[in-house]
Amino acid sequence: MCICINCKYINICKTYKFIEKQHNNNNSSTQNYFIPISTIIIVNINKHNLNIYLDWDVKECSSFVEQPGEWISLL
């Protein structure tokens, strides 16, 4: 699971916007991005029948500041 959902910077984070784009869910128009430090992105490869799916998640981030529920503001 992506740690971004509980991060204070989820609304402006450049890395999170990249992850959204990989999930084909880029519905944000934020122009001012926060660039986090030392992020580790994990990509899981899943196969179902003949289809291959990539699941992108941020596993670690040195800029993470916990703020549970911050992702709700994205809905």
PDB file of N, CA and C in Angstrom:
ATOM      1  N   MET A   1       0.841  -1.178   0.000  1.00  0.00           N
ATOM      2  CA  MET A   1       0.000   0.000   0.000  1.00  0.00           C
ATOM      3  C   MET A   1       0.887   1.242   0.000  1.00  0.00           C
ATOM      4  N   CYS A   2       0.469   2.222  -0.737  1.00  0.00           N
ATOM      5  CA  CYS A   2       1.210   3.474  -0.843  1.00  0.00           C
ATOM      6  C   CYS A   2       1.102   4.270   0.459  1.00  0.00           C
ATOM      7  N   ILE A   3       2.240   4.678   1.013  1.00  0.00           N
ATOM      8  CA  ILE A   3       2.227   5.432   2.271  1.00  0.00           C
ATOM      9  C   ILE A   3       1.690   6.840   2.082  1.00  0.00           C
ATOM     10  N   CYS A   4       1.554   7.279   0.849  1.00  0.00           N
ATOM     11  CA  CYS A   4       1.147   8.655   0.548  1.00  0.00           C
ATOM     12  C   CYS A   4      -0.229   9.018   1.096  1.00  0.00           C
ATOM     13  N   ILE A   5      -1.103   8.034   1.250  1.00  0.00           N
ATOM     14  CA  ILE A   5      -2.465   8.361   1.657  1.00  0.00           C
ATOM     15  C   ILE A   5      -2.528   9.020   3.029  1.00  0.00           C
ATOM     16  N   ASN A   6      -1.514   8.825   3.836  1.00  0.00           N
ATOM     17  CA  ASN A   6      -1.481   9.444   5.158  1.00  0.00           C
ATOM     18  C   ASN A   6      -0.406  10.520   5.275  1.00  0.00           C
ATOM     19  N   CYS A   7      -0.011  11.109   4.153  1.00  0.00           N
ATOM     20  CA  CYS A   7       1.033  12.132   4.178  1.00  0.00           C
ATOM     21  C   CYS A   7       0.433  13.529   4.003  1.00  0.00           C
ATOM     22  N   LYS A   8       0.993  14.450   4.730  1.00  0.00           N
ATOM     23  CA  LYS A   8       0.570  15.853   4.681  1.00  0.00           C
ATOM     24  C   LYS A   8       0.696  16.446   3.273  1.00  0.00           C
ATOM     25  N   TYR A   9       1.637  15.964   2.485  1.00  0.00           N
ATOM     26  CA  TYR A   9       1.940  16.560   1.184  1.00  0.00           C
ATOM     27  C   TYR A   9       1.229  15.892  -0.002  1.00  0.00           C
ATOM     28  N   ILE A  10       0.312  14.989   0.240  1.00  0.00           N
ATOM     29  CA  ILE A  10      -0.299  14.225  -0.850  1.00  0.00           C
ATOM     30  C   ILE A  10      -0.899  15.110  -1.941  1.00  0.00           C
ATOM     31  N   ASN A  11      -1.447  16.254  -1.589  1.00  0.00           N
ATOM     32  CA  ASN A  11      -2.106  17.129  -2.566  1.00  0.00           C
ATOM     33  C   ASN A  11      -1.139  17.842  -3.501  1.00  0.00           C
ATOM     34  N   ILE A  12       0.117  17.978  -3.100  1.00  0.00           N
ATOM     35  CA  ILE A  12       1.070  18.748  -3.906  1.00  0.00           C
ATOM     36  C   ILE A  12       2.337  17.963  -4.264  1.00  0.00           C
ATOM     37  N   CYS A  13       2.406  16.708  -3.883  1.00  0.00           N
ATOM     38  CA  CYS A  13       3.623  15.906  -4.061  1.00  0.00           C
ATOM     39  C   CYS A  13       3.820  15.464  -5.513  1.00  0.00           C
ATOM     40  N   LYS A  14       4.960  15.780  -6.054  1.00  0.00           N
ATOM     41  CA  LYS A  14       5.283  15.421  -7.437  1.00  0.00           C
ATOM     42  C   LYS A  14       5.368  13.901  -7.620  1.00  0.00           C
ATOM     43  N   THR A  15       5.910  13.207  -6.662  1.00  0.00           N
ATOM     44  CA  THR A  15       6.017  11.752  -6.760  1.00  0.00           C
ATOM     45  C   THR A  15       4.635  11.108  -6.723  1.00  0.00           C
ATOM     46  N   TYR A  16       3.765  11.597  -5.847  1.00  0.00           N
ATOM     47  CA  TYR A  16       2.415  11.038  -5.795  1.00  0.00           C
ATOM     48  C   TYR A  16       1.668  11.291  -7.103  1.00  0.00           C
ATOM     49  N   LYS A  17       1.860  12.449  -7.701  1.00  0.00           N
ATOM     50  CA  LYS A  17       1.223  12.754  -8.993  1.00  0.00           C
ATOM     51  C   LYS A  17       1.726  11.781 -10.058  1.00  0.00           C
ATOM     52  N   PHE A  18       3.013  11.428  -9.994  1.00  0.00           N
ATOM     53  CA  PHE A  18       3.568  10.438 -10.913  1.00  0.00           C
ATOM     54  C   PHE A  18       2.887   9.078 -10.712  1.00  0.00           C
ATOM     55  N   ILE A  19       2.724   8.672  -9.454  1.00  0.00           N
ATOM     56  CA  ILE A  19       2.077   7.394  -9.144  1.00  0.00           C
ATOM     57  C   ILE A  19       0.634   7.403  -9.662  1.00  0.00           C
ATOM     58  N   GLU A  20      -0.082   8.498  -9.458  1.00  0.00           N
ATOM     59  CA  GLU A  20      -1.445   8.605  -9.984  1.00  0.00           C
ATOM     60  C   GLU A  20      -1.459   8.432 -11.500  1.00  0.00           C
ATOM     61  N   LYS A  21      -0.510   9.050 -12.161  1.00  0.00           N
ATOM     62  CA  LYS A  21      -0.438   8.960 -13.616  1.00  0.00           C
ATOM     63  C   LYS A  21      -0.222   7.509 -14.044  1.00  0.00           C
ATOM     64  N   GLN A  22       0.608   6.774 -13.324  1.00  0.00           N
ATOM     65  CA  GLN A  22       0.858   5.371 -13.645  1.00  0.00           C
ATOM     66  C   GLN A  22      -0.405   4.535 -13.477  1.00  0.00           C
ATOM     67  N   HIS A  23      -1.265   4.946 -12.558  1.00  0.00           N
ATOM     68  CA  HIS A  23      -2.533   4.259 -12.328  1.00  0.00           C
ATOM     69  C   HIS A  23      -3.635   4.808 -13.235  1.00  0.00           C
ATOM     70  N   ASN A  24      -3.256   5.655 -14.194  1.00  0.00           N
ATOM     71  CA  ASN A  24      -4.213   6.290 -15.104  1.00  0.00           C
ATOM     72  C   ASN A  24      -5.299   7.044 -14.347  1.00  0.00           C
ATOM     73  N   ASN A  25      -4.903   7.702 -13.271  1.00  0.00           N
ATOM     74  CA  ASN A  25      -5.849   8.440 -12.448  1.00  0.00           C
ATOM     75  C   ASN A  25      -5.289   9.836 -12.171  1.00  0.00           C
ATOM     76  N   ASN A  26      -4.910  10.526 -13.200  1.00  0.00           N
ATOM     77  CA  ASN A  26      -4.302  11.847 -13.040  1.00  0.00           C
ATOM     78  C   ASN A  26      -5.361  12.922 -13.250  1.00  0.00           C
ATOM     79  N   ASN A  27      -6.117  13.214 -12.196  1.00  0.00           N
ATOM     80  CA  ASN A  27      -7.188  14.193 -12.310  1.00  0.00           C
ATOM     81  C   ASN A  27      -6.888  15.459 -11.520  1.00  0.00           C
ATOM     82  N   SER A  28      -5.623  15.780 -11.388  1.00  0.00           N
ATOM     83  CA  SER A  28      -5.218  16.949 -10.623  1.00  0.00           C
ATOM     84  C   SER A  28      -4.609  17.995 -11.544  1.00  0.00           C
ATOM     85  N   SER A  29      -4.823  19.240 -11.184  1.00  0.00           N
ATOM     86  CA  SER A  29      -4.260  20.318 -12.002  1.00  0.00           C
ATOM     87  C   SER A  29      -3.294  21.184 -11.195  1.00  0.00           C
ATOM     88  N   THR A  30      -2.760  20.650 -10.119  1.00  0.00           N
ATOM     89  CA  THR A  30      -1.833  21.394  -9.278  1.00  0.00           C
ATOM     90  C   THR A  30      -0.594  21.797 -10.070  1.00  0.00           C
ATOM     91  N   GLN A  31      -0.241  23.054 -10.007  1.00  0.00           N
ATOM     92  CA  GLN A  31       0.927  23.564 -10.725  1.00  0.00           C
ATOM     93  C   GLN A  31       2.161  23.645  -9.819  1.00  0.00           C
ATOM     94  N   ASN A  32       1.973  23.889  -8.540  1.00  0.00           N
ATOM     95  CA  ASN A  32       3.089  24.004  -7.599  1.00  0.00           C
ATOM     96  C   ASN A  32       3.300  22.660  -6.910  1.00  0.00           C
ATOM     97  N   TYR A  33       4.385  22.009  -7.269  1.00  0.00           N
ATOM     98  CA  TYR A  33       4.648  20.693  -6.720  1.00  0.00           C
ATOM     99  C   TYR A  33       5.698  20.740  -5.627  1.00  0.00           C
ATOM    100  N   PHE A  34       5.514  19.853  -4.657  1.00  0.00           N
ATOM    101  CA  PHE A  34       6.494  19.600  -3.617  1.00  0.00           C
ATOM    102  C   PHE A  34       7.324  18.420  -4.107  1.00  0.00           C
ATOM    103  N   ILE A  35       8.630  18.550  -4.104  1.00  0.00           N
ATOM    104  CA  ILE A  35       9.507  17.468  -4.554  1.00  0.00           C
ATOM    105  C   ILE A  35      10.092  16.779  -3.324  1.00  0.00           C
ATOM    106  N   PRO A  36       9.632  15.554  -3.039  1.00  0.00           N
ATOM    107  CA  PRO A  36      10.094  14.846  -1.841  1.00  0.00           C
ATOM    108  C   PRO A  36      11.522  14.336  -1.980  1.00  0.00           C
ATOM    109  N   ILE A  37      12.092  14.005  -0.839  1.00  0.00           N
ATOM    110  CA  ILE A  37      13.473  13.533  -0.772  1.00  0.00           C
ATOM    111  C   ILE A  37      13.491  12.019  -0.570  1.00  0.00           C
ATOM    112  N   SER A  38      14.355  11.356  -1.294  1.00  0.00           N
ATOM    113  CA  SER A  38      14.639   9.924  -1.117  1.00  0.00           C
ATOM    114  C   SER A  38      13.393   9.050  -1.077  1.00  0.00           C
ATOM    115  N   THR A  39      12.664   9.022  -2.170  1.00  0.00           N
ATOM    116  CA  THR A  39      11.506   8.136  -2.238  1.00  0.00           C
ATOM    117  C   THR A  39      11.917   6.793  -2.840  1.00  0.00           C
ATOM    118  N   ILE A  40      11.273   5.756  -2.366  1.00  0.00           N
ATOM    119  CA  ILE A  40      11.461   4.425  -2.924  1.00  0.00           C
ATOM    120  C   ILE A  40      10.112   3.981  -3.456  1.00  0.00           C
ATOM    121  N   ILE A  41      10.068   3.718  -4.757  1.00  0.00           N
ATOM    122  CA  ILE A  41       8.845   3.282  -5.418  1.00  0.00           C
ATOM    123  C   ILE A  41       8.963   1.795  -5.724  1.00  0.00           C
ATOM    124  N   ILE A  42       7.922   1.067  -5.371  1.00  0.00           N
ATOM    125  CA  ILE A  42       7.856  -0.369  -5.623  1.00  0.00           C
ATOM    126  C   ILE A  42       6.849  -0.600  -6.742  1.00  0.00           C
ATOM    127  N   VAL A  43       7.218  -1.419  -7.713  1.00  0.00           N
ATOM    128  CA  VAL A  43       6.299  -1.773  -8.788  1.00  0.00           C
ATOM    129  C   VAL A  43       6.075  -3.282  -8.732  1.00  0.00           C
ATOM    130  N   ASN A  44       4.830  -3.664  -8.478  1.00  0.00           N
ATOM    131  CA  ASN A  44       4.459  -5.075  -8.463  1.00  0.00           C
ATOM    132  C   ASN A  44       3.872  -5.432  -9.817  1.00  0.00           C
ATOM    133  N   ILE A  45       4.294  -6.551 -10.348  1.00  0.00           N
ATOM    134  CA  ILE A  45       3.802  -7.026 -11.631  1.00  0.00           C
ATOM    135  C   ILE A  45       2.833  -8.167 -11.372  1.00  0.00           C
ATOM    136  N   ASN A  46       1.598  -7.966 -11.828  1.00  0.00           N
ATOM    137  CA  ASN A  46       0.554  -8.966 -11.633  1.00  0.00           C
ATOM    138  C   ASN A  46       0.051  -9.441 -12.987  1.00  0.00           C
ATOM    139  N   LYS A  47      -0.216 -10.731 -13.081  1.00  0.00           N
ATOM    140  CA  LYS A  47      -0.713 -11.298 -14.325  1.00  0.00           C
ATOM    141  C   LYS A  47      -2.064 -11.946 -14.054  1.00  0.00           C
ATOM    142  N   HIS A  48      -3.035 -11.612 -14.888  1.00  0.00           N
ATOM    143  CA  HIS A  48      -4.355 -12.217 -14.802  1.00  0.00           C
ATOM    144  C   HIS A  48      -4.736 -12.644 -16.216  1.00  0.00           C
ATOM    145  N   ASN A  49      -4.860 -13.942 -16.417  1.00  0.00           N
ATOM    146  CA  ASN A  49      -5.072 -14.507 -17.762  1.00  0.00           C
ATOM    147  C   ASN A  49      -3.917 -14.057 -18.650  1.00  0.00           C
ATOM    148  N   LEU A  50      -4.182 -13.350 -19.710  1.00  0.00           N
ATOM    149  CA  LEU A  50      -3.111 -12.892 -20.595  1.00  0.00           C
ATOM    150  C   LEU A  50      -2.764 -11.425 -20.378  1.00  0.00           C
ATOM    151  N   ASN A  51      -3.354 -10.803 -19.384  1.00  0.00           N
ATOM    152  CA  ASN A  51      -3.112  -9.381 -19.110  1.00  0.00           C
ATOM    153  C   ASN A  51      -2.089  -9.207 -17.998  1.00  0.00           C
ATOM    154  N   ILE A  52      -1.245  -8.214 -18.164  1.00  0.00           N
ATOM    155  CA  ILE A  52      -0.250  -7.877 -17.145  1.00  0.00           C
ATOM    156  C   ILE A  52      -0.598  -6.507 -16.576  1.00  0.00           C
ATOM    157  N   TYR A  53      -0.643  -6.418 -15.259  1.00  0.00           N
ATOM    158  CA  TYR A  53      -0.971  -5.181 -14.564  1.00  0.00           C
ATOM    159  C   TYR A  53       0.203  -4.759 -13.694  1.00  0.00           C
ATOM    160  N   LEU A  54       0.498  -3.475 -13.701  1.00  0.00           N
ATOM    161  CA  LEU A  54       1.551  -2.931 -12.845  1.00  0.00           C
ATOM    162  C   LEU A  54       0.894  -2.150 -11.713  1.00  0.00           C
ATOM    163  N   ASP A  55       1.331  -2.420 -10.497  1.00  0.00           N
ATOM    164  CA  ASP A  55       0.811  -1.724  -9.328  1.00  0.00           C
ATOM    165  C   ASP A  55       1.954  -0.912  -8.723  1.00  0.00           C
ATOM    166  N   TRP A  56       1.830   0.405  -8.767  1.00  0.00           N
ATOM    167  CA  TRP A  56       2.869   1.327  -8.327  1.00  0.00           C
ATOM    168  C   TRP A  56       2.560   1.823  -6.919  1.00  0.00           C
ATOM    169  N   ASP A  57       3.528   1.776  -6.019  1.00  0.00           N
ATOM    170  CA  ASP A  57       3.361   2.260  -4.656  1.00  0.00           C
ATOM    171  C   ASP A  57       4.640   2.930  -4.158  1.00  0.00           C
ATOM    172  N   VAL A  58       4.475   3.967  -3.354  1.00  0.00           N
ATOM    173  CA  VAL A  58       5.619   4.568  -2.667  1.00  0.00           C
ATOM    174  C   VAL A  58       5.787   3.795  -1.372  1.00  0.00           C
ATOM    175  N   LYS A  59       6.932   3.190  -1.205  1.00  0.00           N
ATOM    176  CA  LYS A  59       7.208   2.357  -0.028  1.00  0.00           C
ATOM    177  C   LYS A  59       7.891   3.158   1.080  1.00  0.00           C
ATOM    178  N   GLU A  60       8.810   4.055   0.695  1.00  0.00           N
ATOM    179  CA  GLU A  60       9.524   4.890   1.665  1.00  0.00           C
ATOM    180  C   GLU A  60       9.709   6.289   1.102  1.00  0.00           C
ATOM    181  N   CYS A  61       9.731   7.266   2.008  1.00  0.00           N
ATOM    182  CA  CYS A  61       9.924   8.656   1.597  1.00  0.00           C
ATOM    183  C   CYS A  61      10.455   9.443   2.800  1.00  0.00           C
ATOM    184  N   SER A  62      11.595  10.076   2.628  1.00  0.00           N
ATOM    185  CA  SER A  62      12.196  10.842   3.727  1.00  0.00           C
ATOM    186  C   SER A  62      11.421  12.119   4.037  1.00  0.00           C
ATOM    187  N   SER A  63      10.575  12.550   3.120  1.00  0.00           N
ATOM    188  CA  SER A  63       9.785  13.768   3.340  1.00  0.00           C
ATOM    189  C   SER A  63       8.413  13.482   3.944  1.00  0.00           C
ATOM    190  N   PHE A  64       8.111  12.218   4.195  1.00  0.00           N
ATOM    191  CA  PHE A  64       6.802  11.835   4.732  1.00  0.00           C
ATOM    192  C   PHE A  64       6.529  12.527   6.062  1.00  0.00           C
ATOM    193  N   VAL A  65       5.374  13.192   6.140  1.00  0.00           N
ATOM    194  CA  VAL A  65       4.906  13.800   7.386  1.00  0.00           C
ATOM    195  C   VAL A  65       3.500  13.255   7.618  1.00  0.00           C
ATOM    196  N   GLU A  66       3.346  12.459   8.673  1.00  0.00           N
ATOM    197  CA  GLU A  66       2.072  11.781   8.896  1.00  0.00           C
ATOM    198  C   GLU A  66       0.940  12.750   9.195  1.00  0.00           C
ATOM    199  N   GLN A  67      -0.126  12.579   8.430  1.00  0.00           N
ATOM    200  CA  GLN A  67      -1.368  13.325   8.648  1.00  0.00           C
ATOM    201  C   GLN A  67      -2.490  12.411   8.167  1.00  0.00           C
ATOM    202  N   PRO A  68      -2.910  11.483   9.047  1.00  0.00           N
ATOM    203  CA  PRO A  68      -3.914  10.489   8.661  1.00  0.00           C
ATOM    204  C   PRO A  68      -5.163  11.125   8.066  1.00  0.00           C
ATOM    205  N   GLY A  69      -5.659  10.493   7.004  1.00  0.00           N
ATOM    206  CA  GLY A  69      -6.891  10.959   6.369  1.00  0.00           C
ATOM    207  C   GLY A  69      -6.730  12.092   5.376  1.00  0.00           C
ATOM    208  N   GLU A  70      -5.509  12.535   5.127  1.00  0.00           N
ATOM    209  CA  GLU A  70      -5.280  13.652   4.204  1.00  0.00           C
ATOM    210  C   GLU A  70      -5.776  13.329   2.790  1.00  0.00           C
ATOM    211  N   TRP A  71      -5.737  12.071   2.415  1.00  0.00           N
ATOM    212  CA  TRP A  71      -6.172  11.644   1.081  1.00  0.00           C
ATOM    213  C   TRP A  71      -7.655  11.914   0.836  1.00  0.00           C
ATOM    214  N   ILE A  72      -8.456  12.016   1.888  1.00  0.00           N
ATOM    215  CA  ILE A  72      -9.896  12.242   1.740  1.00  0.00           C
ATOM    216  C   ILE A  72     -10.152  13.550   0.989  1.00  0.00           C
ATOM    217  N   SER A  73      -9.272  14.509   1.149  1.00  0.00           N
ATOM    218  CA  SER A  73      -9.458  15.794   0.463  1.00  0.00           C
ATOM    219  C   SER A  73      -9.313  15.660  -1.052  1.00  0.00           C
ATOM    220  N   LEU A  74      -8.786  14.526  -1.522  1.00  0.00           N
ATOM    221  CA  LEU A  74      -8.628  14.307  -2.968  1.00  0.00           C
ATOM    222  C   LEU A  74      -9.905  13.808  -3.624  1.00  0.00           C
ATOM    223  N   LEU A  75     -10.867  13.373  -2.814  1.00  0.00           N
ATOM    224  CA  LEU A  75     -12.103  12.815  -3.380  1.00  0.00           C
ATOM    225  C   LEU A  75     -13.003  13.868  -3.948  1.00  0.00           C
TER     226      LEU A  75
END
